[in-house]
């Protein structure tokens, strides 16, 4: 299976590729809050793109609601 440029970017951000039943999953280990233990999380490329779009939209909303300072 060939990787798209976007999938290659996931790998450059520390995700590891796992193929399960011909579906690509991008996994990484993340430390759980308040613990020294790590948890493995896996998502499909579509799910990662949706998370990224949601985060970018939330950032835009926060920045647009920020009050401006007038001198």
PDB file of N, CA and C in Angstrom:
ATOM      1  N   UNK A   1       0.836  -1.190   0.000  1.00  0.00           N
ATOM      2  CA  UNK A   1       0.000   0.000   0.000  1.00  0.00           C
ATOM      3  C   UNK A   1       0.877   1.249   0.000  1.00  0.00           C
ATOM      4  N   UNK A   2       0.649   2.106  -0.934  1.00  0.00           N
ATOM      5  CA  UNK A   2       1.413   3.345  -1.032  1.00  0.00           C
ATOM      6  C   UNK A   2       0.861   4.372  -0.044  1.00  0.00           C
ATOM      7  N   UNK A   3       1.742   5.236   0.424  1.00  0.00           N
ATOM      8  CA  UNK A   3       1.339   6.287   1.361  1.00  0.00           C
ATOM      9  C   UNK A   3       1.145   7.601   0.631  1.00  0.00           C
ATOM     10  N   UNK A   4       0.138   8.336   1.038  1.00  0.00           N
ATOM     11  CA  UNK A   4      -0.085   9.667   0.498  1.00  0.00           C
ATOM     12  C   UNK A   4       0.856  10.638   1.208  1.00  0.00           C
ATOM     13  N   UNK A   5       1.059  11.826   0.656  1.00  0.00           N
ATOM     14  CA  UNK A   5       1.890  12.819   1.350  1.00  0.00           C
ATOM     15  C   UNK A   5       1.354  13.139   2.753  1.00  0.00           C
ATOM     16  N   UNK A   6       0.043  13.169   2.897  1.00  0.00           N
ATOM     17  CA  UNK A   6      -0.554  13.452   4.210  1.00  0.00           C
ATOM     18  C   UNK A   6      -0.237  12.327   5.199  1.00  0.00           C
ATOM     19  N   UNK A   7      -0.285  11.081   4.734  1.00  0.00           N
ATOM     20  CA  UNK A   7       0.044   9.948   5.593  1.00  0.00           C
ATOM     21  C   UNK A   7       1.520   9.962   5.974  1.00  0.00           C
ATOM     22  N   UNK A   8       2.371  10.372   5.070  1.00  0.00           N
ATOM     23  CA  UNK A   8       3.793  10.500   5.372  1.00  0.00           C
ATOM     24  C   UNK A   8       4.014  11.558   6.451  1.00  0.00           C
ATOM     25  N   UNK A   9       3.183  12.602   6.425  1.00  0.00           N
ATOM     26  CA  UNK A   9       3.291  13.635   7.457  1.00  0.00           C
ATOM     27  C   UNK A   9       2.922  13.075   8.828  1.00  0.00           C
ATOM     28  N   UNK A  10       1.899  12.212   8.893  1.00  0.00           N
ATOM     29  CA  UNK A  10       1.542  11.570  10.163  1.00  0.00           C
ATOM     30  C   UNK A  10       2.745  10.806  10.716  1.00  0.00           C
ATOM     31  N   UNK A  11       3.444  10.092   9.845  1.00  0.00           N
ATOM     32  CA  UNK A  11       4.616   9.337  10.277  1.00  0.00           C
ATOM     33  C   UNK A  11       5.710  10.275  10.780  1.00  0.00           C
ATOM     34  N   UNK A  12       5.870  11.428  10.134  1.00  0.00           N
ATOM     35  CA  UNK A  12       6.900  12.380  10.561  1.00  0.00           C
ATOM     36  C   UNK A  12       6.548  13.017  11.902  1.00  0.00           C
ATOM     37  N   UNK A  13       5.256  12.981  12.273  1.00  0.00           N
ATOM     38  CA  UNK A  13       4.828  13.529  13.562  1.00  0.00           C
ATOM     39  C   UNK A  13       4.855  12.488  14.678  1.00  0.00           C
ATOM     40  N   UNK A  14       5.448  11.318  14.405  1.00  0.00           N
ATOM     41  CA  UNK A  14       5.644  10.330  15.457  1.00  0.00           C
ATOM     42  C   UNK A  14       4.655   9.177  15.464  1.00  0.00           C
ATOM     43  N   UNK A  15       3.750   9.138  14.515  1.00  0.00           N
ATOM     44  CA  UNK A  15       2.822   8.017  14.430  1.00  0.00           C
ATOM     45  C   UNK A  15       3.517   6.835  13.766  1.00  0.00           C
ATOM     46  N   UNK A  16       3.108   5.635  14.138  1.00  0.00           N
ATOM     47  CA  UNK A  16       3.609   4.412  13.509  1.00  0.00           C
ATOM     48  C   UNK A  16       2.457   3.801  12.724  1.00  0.00           C
ATOM     49  N   UNK A  17       2.742   3.294  11.551  1.00  0.00           N
ATOM     50  CA  UNK A  17       1.723   2.705  10.689  1.00  0.00           C
ATOM     51  C   UNK A  17       1.468   1.260  11.082  1.00  0.00           C
ATOM     52  N   UNK A  18       0.192   0.928  11.250  1.00  0.00           N
ATOM     53  CA  UNK A  18      -0.232  -0.456  11.459  1.00  0.00           C
ATOM     54  C   UNK A  18      -1.329  -0.744  10.450  1.00  0.00           C
ATOM     55  N   UNK A  19      -1.265  -1.895   9.814  1.00  0.00           N
ATOM     56  CA  UNK A  19      -2.299  -2.270   8.856  1.00  0.00           C
ATOM     57  C   UNK A  19      -3.079  -3.424   9.455  1.00  0.00           C
ATOM     58  N   UNK A  20      -4.382  -3.209   9.607  1.00  0.00           N
ATOM     59  CA  UNK A  20      -5.280  -4.210  10.179  1.00  0.00           C
ATOM     60  C   UNK A  20      -6.412  -4.453   9.196  1.00  0.00           C
ATOM     61  N   UNK A  21      -6.517  -5.654   8.731  1.00  0.00           N
ATOM     62  CA  UNK A  21      -7.558  -6.036   7.771  1.00  0.00           C
ATOM     63  C   UNK A  21      -7.628  -5.045   6.608  1.00  0.00           C
ATOM     64  N   UNK A  22      -6.468  -4.755   6.051  1.00  0.00           N
ATOM     65  CA  UNK A  22      -6.321  -3.861   4.891  1.00  0.00           C
ATOM     66  C   UNK A  22      -6.710  -2.409   5.165  1.00  0.00           C
ATOM     67  N   UNK A  23      -6.782  -2.022   6.428  1.00  0.00           N
ATOM     68  CA  UNK A  23      -7.059  -0.637   6.804  1.00  0.00           C
ATOM     69  C   UNK A  23      -5.825  -0.073   7.484  1.00  0.00           C
ATOM     70  N   UNK A  24      -5.424   1.128   7.093  1.00  0.00           N
ATOM     71  CA  UNK A  24      -4.251   1.777   7.685  1.00  0.00           C
ATOM     72  C   UNK A  24      -4.661   2.476   8.980  1.00  0.00           C
ATOM     73  N   UNK A  25      -3.915   2.197  10.045  1.00  0.00           N
ATOM     74  CA  UNK A  25      -4.082   2.880  11.316  1.00  0.00           C
ATOM     75  C   UNK A  25      -2.768   3.548  11.663  1.00  0.00           C
ATOM     76  N   UNK A  26      -2.854   4.725  12.243  1.00  0.00           N
ATOM     77  CA  UNK A  26      -1.677   5.462  12.683  1.00  0.00           C
ATOM     78  C   UNK A  26      -1.726   5.499  14.204  1.00  0.00           C
ATOM     79  N   UNK A  27      -0.689   4.914  14.826  1.00  0.00           N
ATOM     80  CA  UNK A  27      -0.681   4.724  16.274  1.00  0.00           C
ATOM     81  C   UNK A  27       0.510   5.448  16.896  1.00  0.00           C
ATOM     82  N   UNK A  28       0.311   5.816  18.157  1.00  0.00           N
ATOM     83  CA  UNK A  28       1.423   6.338  18.950  1.00  0.00           C
ATOM     84  C   UNK A  28       1.120   6.137  20.416  1.00  0.00           C
ATOM     85  N   UNK A  29       2.157   6.178  21.195  1.00  0.00           N
ATOM     86  CA  UNK A  29       2.018   6.020  22.640  1.00  0.00           C
ATOM     87  C   UNK A  29       1.957   7.408  23.263  1.00  0.00           C
ATOM     88  N   UNK A  30       0.982   7.584  24.143  1.00  0.00           N
ATOM     89  CA  UNK A  30       0.808   8.868  24.819  1.00  0.00           C
ATOM     90  C   UNK A  30       0.748   8.618  26.309  1.00  0.00           C
ATOM     91  N   UNK A  31       1.391   9.495  27.063  1.00  0.00           N
ATOM     92  CA  UNK A  31       1.375   9.369  28.511  1.00  0.00           C
ATOM     93  C   UNK A  31       0.017   9.834  29.025  1.00  0.00           C
ATOM     94  N   UNK A  32      -0.577   9.030  29.896  1.00  0.00           N
ATOM     95  CA  UNK A  32      -1.865   9.398  30.468  1.00  0.00           C
ATOM     96  C   UNK A  32      -1.660  10.487  31.503  1.00  0.00           C
ATOM     97  N   UNK A  33      -2.570  11.430  31.549  1.00  0.00           N
ATOM     98  CA  UNK A  33      -2.494  12.543  32.483  1.00  0.00           C
ATOM     99  C   UNK A  33      -2.509  12.015  33.912  1.00  0.00           C
ATOM    100  N   UNK A  34      -1.555  12.452  34.710  1.00  0.00           N
ATOM    101  CA  UNK A  34      -1.487  12.044  36.111  1.00  0.00           C
ATOM    102  C   UNK A  34      -0.892  10.664  36.320  1.00  0.00           C
ATOM    103  N   UNK A  35      -0.252  10.119  35.314  1.00  0.00           N
ATOM    104  CA  UNK A  35       0.305   8.778  35.414  1.00  0.00           C
ATOM    105  C   UNK A  35       1.639   8.724  34.685  1.00  0.00           C
ATOM    106  N   UNK A  36       2.455   7.761  35.076  1.00  0.00           N
ATOM    107  CA  UNK A  36       3.701   7.552  34.349  1.00  0.00           C
ATOM    108  C   UNK A  36       3.535   6.511  33.262  1.00  0.00           C
ATOM    109  N   UNK A  37       2.349   5.923  33.173  1.00  0.00           N
ATOM    110  CA  UNK A  37       2.103   4.878  32.197  1.00  0.00           C
ATOM    111  C   UNK A  37       1.674   5.475  30.866  1.00  0.00           C
ATOM    112  N   UNK A  38       2.044   4.787  29.815  1.00  0.00           N
ATOM    113  CA  UNK A  38       1.663   5.225  28.473  1.00  0.00           C
ATOM    114  C   UNK A  38       0.513   4.381  27.966  1.00  0.00           C
ATOM    115  N   UNK A  39      -0.263   4.987  27.092  1.00  0.00           N
ATOM    116  CA  UNK A  39      -1.395   4.309  26.475  1.00  0.00           C
ATOM    117  C   UNK A  39      -1.229   4.399  24.967  1.00  0.00           C
ATOM    118  N   UNK A  40      -1.468   3.312  24.287  1.00  0.00           N
ATOM    119  CA  UNK A  40      -1.361   3.289  22.828  1.00  0.00           C
ATOM    120  C   UNK A  40      -2.700   3.731  22.249  1.00  0.00           C
ATOM    121  N   UNK A  41      -2.656   4.750  21.381  1.00  0.00           N
ATOM    122  CA  UNK A  41      -3.868   5.204  20.707  1.00  0.00           C
ATOM    123  C   UNK A  41      -3.661   5.078  19.209  1.00  0.00           C
ATOM    124  N   UNK A  42      -4.700   4.605  18.533  1.00  0.00           N
ATOM    125  CA  UNK A  42      -4.645   4.411  17.090  1.00  0.00           C
ATOM    126  C   UNK A  42      -5.866   5.056  16.443  1.00  0.00           C
ATOM    127  N   UNK A  43      -5.660   5.646  15.286  1.00  0.00           N
ATOM    128  CA  UNK A  43      -6.747   6.257  14.525  1.00  0.00           C
ATOM    129  C   UNK A  43      -6.487   6.055  13.042  1.00  0.00           C
ATOM    130  N   UNK A  44      -7.540   6.120  12.267  1.00  0.00           N
ATOM    131  CA  UNK A  44      -7.385   6.080  10.815  1.00  0.00           C
ATOM    132  C   UNK A  44      -6.955   7.462  10.339  1.00  0.00           C
ATOM    133  N   UNK A  45      -6.494   7.544   9.124  1.00  0.00           N
ATOM    134  CA  UNK A  45      -6.110   8.841   8.555  1.00  0.00           C
ATOM    135  C   UNK A  45      -7.288   9.802   8.515  1.00  0.00           C
ATOM    136  N   UNK A  46      -8.481   9.291   8.186  1.00  0.00           N
ATOM    137  CA  UNK A  46      -9.680  10.148   8.149  1.00  0.00           C
ATOM    138  C   UNK A  46      -9.970  10.731   9.523  1.00  0.00           C
ATOM    139  N   UNK A  47      -9.846   9.909  10.565  1.00  0.00           N
ATOM    140  CA  UNK A  47     -10.118  10.380  11.923  1.00  0.00           C
ATOM    141  C   UNK A  47      -9.095  11.438  12.341  1.00  0.00           C
ATOM    142  N   UNK A  48      -7.823  11.230  11.984  1.00  0.00           N
ATOM    143  CA  UNK A  48      -6.792  12.222  12.328  1.00  0.00           C
ATOM    144  C   UNK A  48      -7.041  13.537  11.597  1.00  0.00           C
ATOM    145  N   UNK A  49      -7.459  13.463  10.328  1.00  0.00           N
ATOM    146  CA  UNK A  49      -7.766  14.685   9.577  1.00  0.00           C
ATOM    147  C   UNK A  49      -8.949  15.413  10.200  1.00  0.00           C
ATOM    148  N   UNK A  50      -9.962  14.681  10.634  1.00  0.00           N
ATOM    149  CA  UNK A  50     -11.133  15.294  11.270  1.00  0.00           C
ATOM    150  C   UNK A  50     -10.744  15.959  12.590  1.00  0.00           C
ATOM    151  N   UNK A  51      -9.881  15.300  13.378  1.00  0.00           N
ATOM    152  CA  UNK A  51      -9.410  15.893  14.630  1.00  0.00           C
ATOM    153  C   UNK A  51      -8.634  17.172  14.365  1.00  0.00           C
ATOM    154  N   UNK A  52      -7.799  17.159  13.353  1.00  0.00           N
ATOM    155  CA  UNK A  52      -7.003  18.337  13.016  1.00  0.00           C
ATOM    156  C   UNK A  52      -7.904  19.479  12.562  1.00  0.00           C
ATOM    157  N   UNK A  53      -8.888  19.186  11.723  1.00  0.00           N
ATOM    158  CA  UNK A  53      -9.813  20.222  11.252  1.00  0.00           C
ATOM    159  C   UNK A  53     -10.608  20.806  12.419  1.00  0.00           C
ATOM    160  N   UNK A  54     -11.024  19.950  13.345  1.00  0.00           N
ATOM    161  CA  UNK A  54     -11.776  20.406  14.513  1.00  0.00           C
ATOM    162  C   UNK A  54     -10.912  21.315  15.390  1.00  0.00           C
ATOM    163  N   UNK A  55      -9.663  20.934  15.591  1.00  0.00           N
ATOM    164  CA  UNK A  55      -8.756  21.750  16.402  1.00  0.00           C
ATOM    165  C   UNK A  55      -8.485  23.103  15.738  1.00  0.00           C
ATOM    166  N   UNK A  56      -8.308  23.098  14.413  1.00  0.00           N
ATOM    167  CA  UNK A  56      -8.077  24.355  13.701  1.00  0.00           C
ATOM    168  C   UNK A  56      -9.307  25.258  13.781  1.00  0.00           C
ATOM    169  N   UNK A  57     -10.495  24.685  13.674  1.00  0.00           N
ATOM    170  CA  UNK A  57     -11.731  25.471  13.772  1.00  0.00           C
ATOM    171  C   UNK A  57     -11.888  26.056  15.175  1.00  0.00           C
ATOM    172  N   UNK A  58     -11.585  25.270  16.204  1.00  0.00           N
ATOM    173  CA  UNK A  58     -11.666  25.768  17.580  1.00  0.00           C
ATOM    174  C   UNK A  58     -10.686  26.920  17.781  1.00  0.00           C
ATOM    175  N   UNK A  59      -9.498  26.806  17.237  1.00  0.00           N
ATOM    176  CA  UNK A  59      -8.502  27.873  17.344  1.00  0.00           C
ATOM    177  C   UNK A  59      -8.987  29.144  16.645  1.00  0.00           C
ATOM    178  N   UNK A  60      -9.588  28.986  15.457  1.00  0.00           N
ATOM    179  CA  UNK A  60     -10.123  30.151  14.744  1.00  0.00           C
ATOM    180  C   UNK A  60     -11.220  30.842  15.555  1.00  0.00           C
ATOM    181  N   UNK A  61     -12.104  30.038  16.163  1.00  0.00           N
ATOM    182  CA  UNK A  61     -13.184  30.627  16.966  1.00  0.00           C
ATOM    183  C   UNK A  61     -12.627  31.382  18.159  1.00  0.00           C
ATOM    184  N   UNK A  62     -11.632  30.808  18.817  1.00  0.00           N
ATOM    185  CA  UNK A  62     -11.030  31.462  19.976  1.00  0.00           C
ATOM    186  C   UNK A  62     -10.372  32.768  19.553  1.00  0.00           C
ATOM    187  N   UNK A  63      -9.635  32.733  18.450  1.00  0.00           N
ATOM    188  CA  UNK A  63      -8.939  33.932  17.999  1.00  0.00           C
ATOM    189  C   UNK A  63      -9.914  35.005  17.522  1.00  0.00           C
ATOM    190  N   UNK A  64     -11.022  34.625  16.945  1.00  0.00           N
ATOM    191  CA  UNK A  64     -11.982  35.628  16.468  1.00  0.00           C
ATOM    192  C   UNK A  64     -12.769  36.243  17.599  1.00  0.00           C
ATOM    193  N   UNK A  65     -12.867  35.568  18.743  1.00  0.00           N
ATOM    194  CA  UNK A  65     -13.606  36.098  19.889  1.00  0.00           C
ATOM    195  C   UNK A  65     -12.708  36.859  20.856  1.00  0.00           C
ATOM    196  N   UNK A  66     -11.443  36.937  20.546  1.00  0.00           N
ATOM    197  CA  UNK A  66     -10.510  37.631  21.422  1.00  0.00           C
ATOM    198  C   UNK A  66     -10.738  39.128  21.304  1.00  0.00           C
ATOM    199  N   UNK A  67     -10.880  39.822  22.430  1.00  0.00           N
ATOM    200  CA  UNK A  67     -11.085  41.270  22.358  1.00  0.00           C
ATOM    201  C   UNK A  67      -9.838  41.985  21.841  1.00  0.00           C
ATOM    202  N   UNK A  68     -10.041  43.043  21.094  1.00  0.00           N
ATOM    203  CA  UNK A  68      -8.922  43.829  20.586  1.00  0.00           C
ATOM    204  C   UNK A  68      -8.616  44.938  21.580  1.00  0.00           C
ATOM    205  N   UNK A  69      -7.362  45.325  21.639  1.00  0.00           N
ATOM    206  CA  UNK A  69      -6.929  46.388  22.551  1.00  0.00           C
ATOM    207  C   UNK A  69      -6.759  47.655  21.726  1.00  0.00           C
ATOM    208  N   UNK A  70      -7.503  48.683  22.076  1.00  0.00           N
ATOM    209  CA  UNK A  70      -7.395  49.954  21.385  1.00  0.00           C
ATOM    210  C   UNK A  70      -6.557  50.920  22.196  1.00  0.00           C
ATOM    211  N   UNK A  71      -5.610  51.577  21.559  1.00  0.00           N
ATOM    212  CA  UNK A  71      -4.755  52.562  22.265  1.00  0.00           C
ATOM    213  C   UNK A  71      -5.304  53.937  22.091  1.00  0.00           C
TER     214      UNK A  71
END
